[in-house]
N, C-alpha and C. Protein backbone atom coordinates (compact mmCIF):
# COMPACT_ATOMS: atom_id res chain seq x y z
N MET A 1 -20.66 44.23 74.32
CA MET A 1 -21.36 45.27 73.59
C MET A 1 -22.77 45.46 74.16
N THR A 2 -23.18 46.69 74.29
CA THR A 2 -24.50 47.02 74.82
C THR A 2 -25.47 47.27 73.68
N GLN A 3 -26.70 46.86 73.89
CA GLN A 3 -27.73 47.12 72.89
C GLN A 3 -28.02 48.62 72.81
N ASN A 4 -28.35 49.09 71.63
CA ASN A 4 -28.70 50.49 71.45
C ASN A 4 -30.21 50.60 71.23
N ILE A 5 -30.94 50.68 72.33
CA ILE A 5 -32.39 50.78 72.26
C ILE A 5 -32.74 52.18 71.74
N THR A 6 -33.45 52.23 70.63
CA THR A 6 -33.76 53.52 70.01
C THR A 6 -35.13 54.05 70.41
N LYS A 7 -35.98 53.18 70.93
CA LYS A 7 -37.29 53.62 71.38
C LYS A 7 -37.62 52.87 72.66
N GLY A 8 -37.68 53.59 73.76
CA GLY A 8 -37.96 52.98 75.05
C GLY A 8 -39.45 52.76 75.27
N VAL A 9 -39.76 52.00 76.30
CA VAL A 9 -41.15 51.66 76.59
C VAL A 9 -41.98 52.90 76.92
N LYS A 10 -41.38 53.88 77.59
CA LYS A 10 -42.15 55.09 77.92
C LYS A 10 -42.57 55.83 76.65
N MET A 11 -41.69 55.86 75.67
CA MET A 11 -42.03 56.50 74.40
C MET A 11 -43.11 55.70 73.67
N MET A 12 -43.01 54.37 73.72
CA MET A 12 -44.00 53.52 73.06
C MET A 12 -45.38 53.70 73.70
N VAL A 13 -45.41 53.76 75.02
CA VAL A 13 -46.68 53.96 75.73
C VAL A 13 -47.25 55.35 75.41
N ALA A 14 -46.40 56.36 75.39
CA ALA A 14 -46.86 57.72 75.06
C ALA A 14 -47.44 57.76 73.65
N GLU A 15 -46.78 57.13 72.69
CA GLU A 15 -47.31 57.07 71.33
C GLU A 15 -48.64 56.34 71.27
N ALA A 16 -48.73 55.24 72.00
CA ALA A 16 -49.99 54.48 72.04
C ALA A 16 -51.11 55.34 72.61
N ASN A 17 -50.81 56.08 73.67
CA ASN A 17 -51.83 56.92 74.29
C ASN A 17 -52.29 58.06 73.37
N GLU A 18 -51.46 58.44 72.42
CA GLU A 18 -51.88 59.45 71.44
C GLU A 18 -52.83 58.87 70.40
N GLN A 19 -52.80 57.55 70.24
CA GLN A 19 -53.56 56.90 69.18
C GLN A 19 -54.81 56.16 69.64
N VAL A 20 -54.93 55.91 70.94
CA VAL A 20 -56.10 55.18 71.44
C VAL A 20 -56.83 56.00 72.49
N LEU A 21 -58.08 55.72 72.63
CA LEU A 21 -58.92 56.40 73.62
C LEU A 21 -58.61 55.87 75.01
N THR A 22 -58.41 56.78 75.94
CA THR A 22 -58.23 56.43 77.35
C THR A 22 -59.46 56.89 78.09
N ILE A 23 -60.05 55.99 78.88
CA ILE A 23 -61.24 56.37 79.65
C ILE A 23 -60.91 56.41 81.14
N SER A 24 -61.67 57.21 81.87
CA SER A 24 -61.45 57.36 83.30
C SER A 24 -62.01 56.17 84.07
N ILE A 25 -61.62 56.08 85.33
CA ILE A 25 -62.16 55.04 86.21
C ILE A 25 -63.68 55.18 86.29
N ASP A 26 -64.18 56.40 86.43
CA ASP A 26 -65.63 56.60 86.52
C ASP A 26 -66.35 56.15 85.26
N GLU A 27 -65.77 56.46 84.09
CA GLU A 27 -66.37 55.99 82.83
C GLU A 27 -66.38 54.46 82.78
N ALA A 28 -65.28 53.86 83.16
CA ALA A 28 -65.16 52.41 83.13
C ALA A 28 -66.12 51.75 84.12
N ARG A 29 -66.26 52.37 85.28
CA ARG A 29 -67.16 51.83 86.32
C ARG A 29 -68.58 51.69 85.77
N ASN A 30 -68.98 52.62 84.92
CA ASN A 30 -70.33 52.58 84.34
C ASN A 30 -70.50 51.50 83.29
N LEU A 31 -69.42 50.85 82.89
CA LEU A 31 -69.47 49.85 81.83
C LEU A 31 -69.50 48.41 82.35
N ILE A 32 -69.41 48.24 83.65
CA ILE A 32 -69.31 46.90 84.22
C ILE A 32 -70.42 45.97 83.74
N ASP A 33 -71.64 46.41 83.73
CA ASP A 33 -72.76 45.55 83.33
C ASP A 33 -73.24 45.83 81.91
N SER A 34 -72.46 46.53 81.13
CA SER A 34 -72.86 46.89 79.77
C SER A 34 -72.79 45.69 78.83
N ASP A 35 -73.86 45.48 78.08
CA ASP A 35 -73.87 44.42 77.07
C ASP A 35 -73.11 44.83 75.82
N ASN A 36 -72.73 46.10 75.73
CA ASN A 36 -72.05 46.61 74.54
C ASN A 36 -70.54 46.72 74.70
N HIS A 37 -70.02 46.24 75.83
CA HIS A 37 -68.60 46.36 76.12
C HIS A 37 -68.04 45.04 76.62
N VAL A 38 -66.79 44.78 76.29
CA VAL A 38 -66.05 43.65 76.85
C VAL A 38 -64.85 44.24 77.58
N ILE A 39 -64.80 44.02 78.87
CA ILE A 39 -63.67 44.49 79.67
C ILE A 39 -62.64 43.36 79.69
N VAL A 40 -61.41 43.70 79.28
CA VAL A 40 -60.36 42.70 79.12
C VAL A 40 -59.22 42.98 80.08
N ASP A 41 -58.98 42.03 80.97
CA ASP A 41 -57.89 42.10 81.94
C ASP A 41 -56.66 41.47 81.31
N LEU A 42 -55.61 42.26 81.11
CA LEU A 42 -54.39 41.81 80.44
C LEU A 42 -53.31 41.29 81.39
N ARG A 43 -53.59 41.35 82.67
CA ARG A 43 -52.57 40.92 83.64
C ARG A 43 -52.35 39.40 83.52
N ASP A 44 -51.16 38.95 83.87
CA ASP A 44 -50.89 37.52 83.75
C ASP A 44 -51.50 36.76 84.94
N PHE A 45 -51.49 35.44 84.82
CA PHE A 45 -52.16 34.61 85.81
C PHE A 45 -51.58 34.77 87.21
N ARG A 46 -50.28 35.04 87.32
CA ARG A 46 -49.69 35.27 88.64
C ARG A 46 -50.28 36.52 89.28
N GLU A 47 -50.49 37.55 88.49
CA GLU A 47 -51.09 38.78 89.03
C GLU A 47 -52.53 38.53 89.47
N LEU A 48 -53.26 37.77 88.67
CA LEU A 48 -54.65 37.47 89.00
C LEU A 48 -54.76 36.63 90.27
N LYS A 49 -53.83 35.72 90.46
CA LYS A 49 -53.86 34.86 91.64
C LYS A 49 -53.74 35.64 92.93
N ARG A 50 -53.19 36.86 92.85
CA ARG A 50 -53.02 37.68 94.05
C ARG A 50 -54.35 38.20 94.56
N GLY A 51 -55.44 37.99 93.77
CA GLY A 51 -56.67 38.38 94.41
C GLY A 51 -57.89 38.78 93.65
N SER A 52 -57.85 39.85 92.87
CA SER A 52 -59.12 40.37 92.38
C SER A 52 -58.99 40.98 91.00
N LYS A 53 -60.16 41.31 90.44
CA LYS A 53 -60.24 41.91 89.11
C LYS A 53 -61.51 42.74 89.03
N ILE A 54 -61.69 43.44 87.92
CA ILE A 54 -62.92 44.18 87.68
C ILE A 54 -64.03 43.16 87.44
N PRO A 55 -65.19 43.34 88.05
CA PRO A 55 -66.26 42.36 87.90
C PRO A 55 -66.62 42.10 86.43
N GLY A 56 -66.67 40.81 86.09
CA GLY A 56 -67.05 40.41 84.75
C GLY A 56 -65.95 40.51 83.71
N ALA A 57 -64.75 40.95 84.08
CA ALA A 57 -63.67 41.11 83.11
C ALA A 57 -63.23 39.76 82.57
N PHE A 58 -62.92 39.74 81.28
CA PHE A 58 -62.38 38.56 80.63
C PHE A 58 -60.87 38.59 80.75
N SER A 59 -60.27 37.50 81.18
CA SER A 59 -58.82 37.44 81.35
C SER A 59 -58.14 37.01 80.05
N CYS A 60 -57.25 37.87 79.56
CA CYS A 60 -56.45 37.58 78.37
C CYS A 60 -55.02 38.02 78.66
N PRO A 61 -54.12 37.08 78.98
CA PRO A 61 -52.74 37.50 79.23
C PRO A 61 -52.19 38.28 78.04
N ARG A 62 -51.48 39.35 78.30
CA ARG A 62 -50.99 40.23 77.25
C ARG A 62 -50.25 39.49 76.14
N GLY A 63 -49.51 38.48 76.48
CA GLY A 63 -48.75 37.73 75.51
C GLY A 63 -49.59 36.92 74.52
N MET A 64 -50.87 36.74 74.81
CA MET A 64 -51.75 35.96 73.93
C MET A 64 -52.69 36.84 73.11
N LEU A 65 -52.73 38.14 73.37
CA LEU A 65 -53.73 39.02 72.78
C LEU A 65 -53.83 38.91 71.26
N GLU A 66 -52.73 39.10 70.55
CA GLU A 66 -52.77 39.08 69.08
C GLU A 66 -53.28 37.74 68.57
N PHE A 67 -52.88 36.66 69.22
CA PHE A 67 -53.29 35.32 68.81
C PHE A 67 -54.77 35.07 69.07
N TRP A 68 -55.27 35.61 70.17
CA TRP A 68 -56.69 35.42 70.50
C TRP A 68 -57.58 36.32 69.65
N ILE A 69 -57.09 37.48 69.21
CA ILE A 69 -57.89 38.38 68.38
C ILE A 69 -58.02 37.85 66.95
N ASP A 70 -56.95 37.35 66.38
CA ASP A 70 -56.90 36.98 64.96
C ASP A 70 -57.73 35.73 64.67
N PRO A 71 -58.81 35.86 63.86
CA PRO A 71 -59.65 34.70 63.54
C PRO A 71 -58.89 33.61 62.77
N ALA A 72 -57.78 33.95 62.12
CA ALA A 72 -56.99 32.97 61.38
C ALA A 72 -56.02 32.21 62.29
N SER A 73 -55.89 32.62 63.53
CA SER A 73 -54.99 31.97 64.47
C SER A 73 -55.65 30.73 65.06
N PRO A 74 -54.88 29.67 65.27
CA PRO A 74 -55.46 28.48 65.92
C PRO A 74 -55.85 28.75 67.37
N TYR A 75 -55.41 29.88 67.92
CA TYR A 75 -55.71 30.23 69.32
C TYR A 75 -56.85 31.24 69.45
N HIS A 76 -57.48 31.60 68.34
CA HIS A 76 -58.55 32.62 68.34
C HIS A 76 -59.62 32.32 69.38
N LYS A 77 -60.08 33.37 70.05
CA LYS A 77 -61.18 33.28 71.01
C LYS A 77 -62.36 34.08 70.46
N GLU A 78 -63.52 33.47 70.43
CA GLU A 78 -64.71 34.10 69.88
C GLU A 78 -65.10 35.38 70.61
N ILE A 79 -64.69 35.54 71.85
CA ILE A 79 -65.02 36.76 72.58
C ILE A 79 -64.51 37.99 71.83
N PHE A 80 -63.45 37.83 71.02
CA PHE A 80 -62.90 38.95 70.26
C PHE A 80 -63.54 39.09 68.88
N ASN A 81 -64.64 38.40 68.66
CA ASN A 81 -65.33 38.46 67.38
C ASN A 81 -66.76 38.96 67.58
N GLN A 82 -66.90 40.02 68.37
CA GLN A 82 -68.20 40.59 68.67
C GLN A 82 -68.23 42.06 68.28
N ASN A 83 -69.39 42.55 67.98
CA ASN A 83 -69.57 43.96 67.64
C ASN A 83 -69.76 44.76 68.93
N LYS A 84 -68.68 44.87 69.70
CA LYS A 84 -68.71 45.55 70.99
C LYS A 84 -67.47 46.42 71.13
N THR A 85 -67.46 47.27 72.13
CA THR A 85 -66.28 48.07 72.45
C THR A 85 -65.42 47.27 73.43
N TYR A 86 -64.13 47.18 73.12
CA TYR A 86 -63.20 46.44 73.96
C TYR A 86 -62.45 47.41 74.86
N VAL A 87 -62.55 47.17 76.17
CA VAL A 87 -61.97 48.03 77.19
C VAL A 87 -60.84 47.26 77.87
N PHE A 88 -59.60 47.66 77.60
CA PHE A 88 -58.45 46.95 78.13
C PHE A 88 -57.94 47.59 79.42
N TYR A 89 -57.42 46.74 80.31
CA TYR A 89 -56.71 47.26 81.48
C TYR A 89 -55.64 46.27 81.92
N CYS A 90 -54.65 46.80 82.61
CA CYS A 90 -53.58 46.01 83.21
C CYS A 90 -53.36 46.59 84.61
N ALA A 91 -52.19 46.42 85.16
CA ALA A 91 -51.93 46.93 86.51
C ALA A 91 -51.83 48.45 86.54
N SER A 92 -51.11 49.03 85.57
CA SER A 92 -50.87 50.48 85.65
C SER A 92 -51.06 51.25 84.35
N ALA A 93 -51.71 50.63 83.36
CA ALA A 93 -52.09 51.27 82.09
C ALA A 93 -50.95 51.39 81.08
N TRP A 94 -49.87 50.66 81.27
CA TRP A 94 -48.81 50.65 80.26
C TRP A 94 -49.08 49.55 79.25
N ARG A 95 -49.26 48.31 79.74
CA ARG A 95 -49.56 47.21 78.83
C ARG A 95 -50.88 47.44 78.11
N SER A 96 -51.85 48.02 78.82
CA SER A 96 -53.16 48.23 78.19
C SER A 96 -53.10 49.27 77.08
N ALA A 97 -52.25 50.28 77.23
CA ALA A 97 -52.08 51.26 76.15
C ALA A 97 -51.51 50.57 74.91
N LEU A 98 -50.46 49.77 75.11
CA LEU A 98 -49.85 49.05 74.00
C LEU A 98 -50.82 48.04 73.40
N ALA A 99 -51.57 47.35 74.25
CA ALA A 99 -52.53 46.35 73.78
C ALA A 99 -53.65 46.99 72.98
N ALA A 100 -54.19 48.11 73.46
CA ALA A 100 -55.26 48.79 72.73
C ALA A 100 -54.76 49.26 71.38
N LYS A 101 -53.53 49.74 71.33
CA LYS A 101 -52.96 50.20 70.06
C LYS A 101 -52.83 49.04 69.08
N VAL A 102 -52.28 47.91 69.52
CA VAL A 102 -52.09 46.78 68.60
C VAL A 102 -53.44 46.19 68.20
N ALA A 103 -54.40 46.14 69.12
CA ALA A 103 -55.74 45.63 68.78
C ALA A 103 -56.38 46.51 67.71
N GLN A 104 -56.22 47.81 67.88
CA GLN A 104 -56.74 48.77 66.91
C GLN A 104 -56.05 48.59 65.56
N GLU A 105 -54.74 48.40 65.58
CA GLU A 105 -53.99 48.17 64.34
C GLU A 105 -54.43 46.89 63.64
N MET A 106 -54.85 45.89 64.42
CA MET A 106 -55.31 44.62 63.86
C MET A 106 -56.72 44.74 63.28
N GLY A 107 -57.41 45.83 63.60
CA GLY A 107 -58.76 46.04 63.08
C GLY A 107 -59.86 45.86 64.10
N LEU A 108 -59.51 45.53 65.34
CA LEU A 108 -60.53 45.42 66.38
C LEU A 108 -60.98 46.83 66.73
N LYS A 109 -62.28 47.06 66.72
CA LYS A 109 -62.77 48.41 67.03
C LYS A 109 -64.22 48.37 67.46
N PRO A 110 -64.60 49.32 68.25
CA PRO A 110 -63.74 50.31 68.92
C PRO A 110 -63.02 49.70 70.13
N VAL A 111 -61.90 50.31 70.48
CA VAL A 111 -61.12 49.89 71.64
C VAL A 111 -60.76 51.11 72.48
N CYS A 112 -60.48 50.87 73.76
CA CYS A 112 -59.99 51.91 74.65
C CYS A 112 -59.28 51.22 75.80
N HIS A 113 -58.69 52.01 76.68
CA HIS A 113 -58.11 51.42 77.89
C HIS A 113 -58.36 52.34 79.07
N ILE A 114 -58.23 51.76 80.25
CA ILE A 114 -58.58 52.45 81.49
C ILE A 114 -57.37 53.17 82.07
N GLU A 115 -57.55 54.46 82.26
CA GLU A 115 -56.50 55.32 82.82
C GLU A 115 -56.06 54.82 84.20
N GLY A 116 -54.77 54.62 84.36
CA GLY A 116 -54.23 54.22 85.66
C GLY A 116 -54.29 52.74 85.95
N GLY A 117 -55.03 51.98 85.14
CA GLY A 117 -55.11 50.54 85.31
C GLY A 117 -55.77 50.09 86.60
N PHE A 118 -55.53 48.82 86.93
CA PHE A 118 -56.19 48.23 88.09
C PHE A 118 -55.74 48.85 89.40
N SER A 119 -54.51 49.34 89.46
CA SER A 119 -54.07 49.98 90.71
C SER A 119 -54.89 51.24 90.97
N ALA A 120 -55.18 52.02 89.92
CA ALA A 120 -56.03 53.21 90.08
C ALA A 120 -57.47 52.80 90.40
N TRP A 121 -57.91 51.71 89.80
CA TRP A 121 -59.26 51.18 90.05
C TRP A 121 -59.41 50.85 91.54
N GLN A 122 -58.43 50.16 92.09
CA GLN A 122 -58.49 49.81 93.52
C GLN A 122 -58.40 51.06 94.39
N LYS A 123 -57.53 51.98 94.03
CA LYS A 123 -57.38 53.22 94.80
C LYS A 123 -58.69 54.00 94.84
N ALA A 124 -59.46 53.94 93.74
CA ALA A 124 -60.75 54.63 93.66
C ALA A 124 -61.86 53.86 94.38
N GLU A 125 -61.49 52.72 94.96
CA GLU A 125 -62.45 51.86 95.65
C GLU A 125 -63.61 51.47 94.74
N ALA A 126 -63.31 51.25 93.47
CA ALA A 126 -64.30 50.77 92.51
C ALA A 126 -64.56 49.29 92.79
N PRO A 127 -65.67 48.76 92.32
CA PRO A 127 -66.02 47.36 92.62
C PRO A 127 -64.98 46.38 92.10
N ILE A 128 -64.76 45.34 92.88
CA ILE A 128 -63.86 44.27 92.45
C ILE A 128 -64.54 42.92 92.73
N GLU A 129 -64.05 41.90 92.03
CA GLU A 129 -64.51 40.54 92.33
C GLU A 129 -63.30 39.67 92.58
N THR A 130 -63.46 38.69 93.46
CA THR A 130 -62.38 37.80 93.81
C THR A 130 -62.12 36.83 92.66
N VAL A 131 -60.86 36.55 92.43
CA VAL A 131 -60.47 35.58 91.42
C VAL A 131 -60.22 34.26 92.12
N GLU A 132 -60.84 33.21 91.62
CA GLU A 132 -60.68 31.87 92.23
C GLU A 132 -59.33 31.30 91.87
């Protein structure tokens, strides 16, 4: 028997994009040194090991996001308990759309994500930093 998937990932990402703010690479580039923003890299550790990230970005694997945001979770990270704008990105802006939506639903605000993700960031020759 085959599963009957009623809502595919493309539909979920499209719905998320209707509910969260998407910012351009140029807008995001201006936030690198901002004290009012936290840039969150949602890519997993294997992706990070391949080389680089947005300068100053905090690494939060997508699978840990809800646990790190929730102050009642034993895995909570204080970085998610600041009065700042959270800017999410992943490789191609699919995970970041879903992550921004769930973060917003959890009450984290304001949130947004970067259009096109890290692949668009690299294509735009925006600044990167090496990951150790």
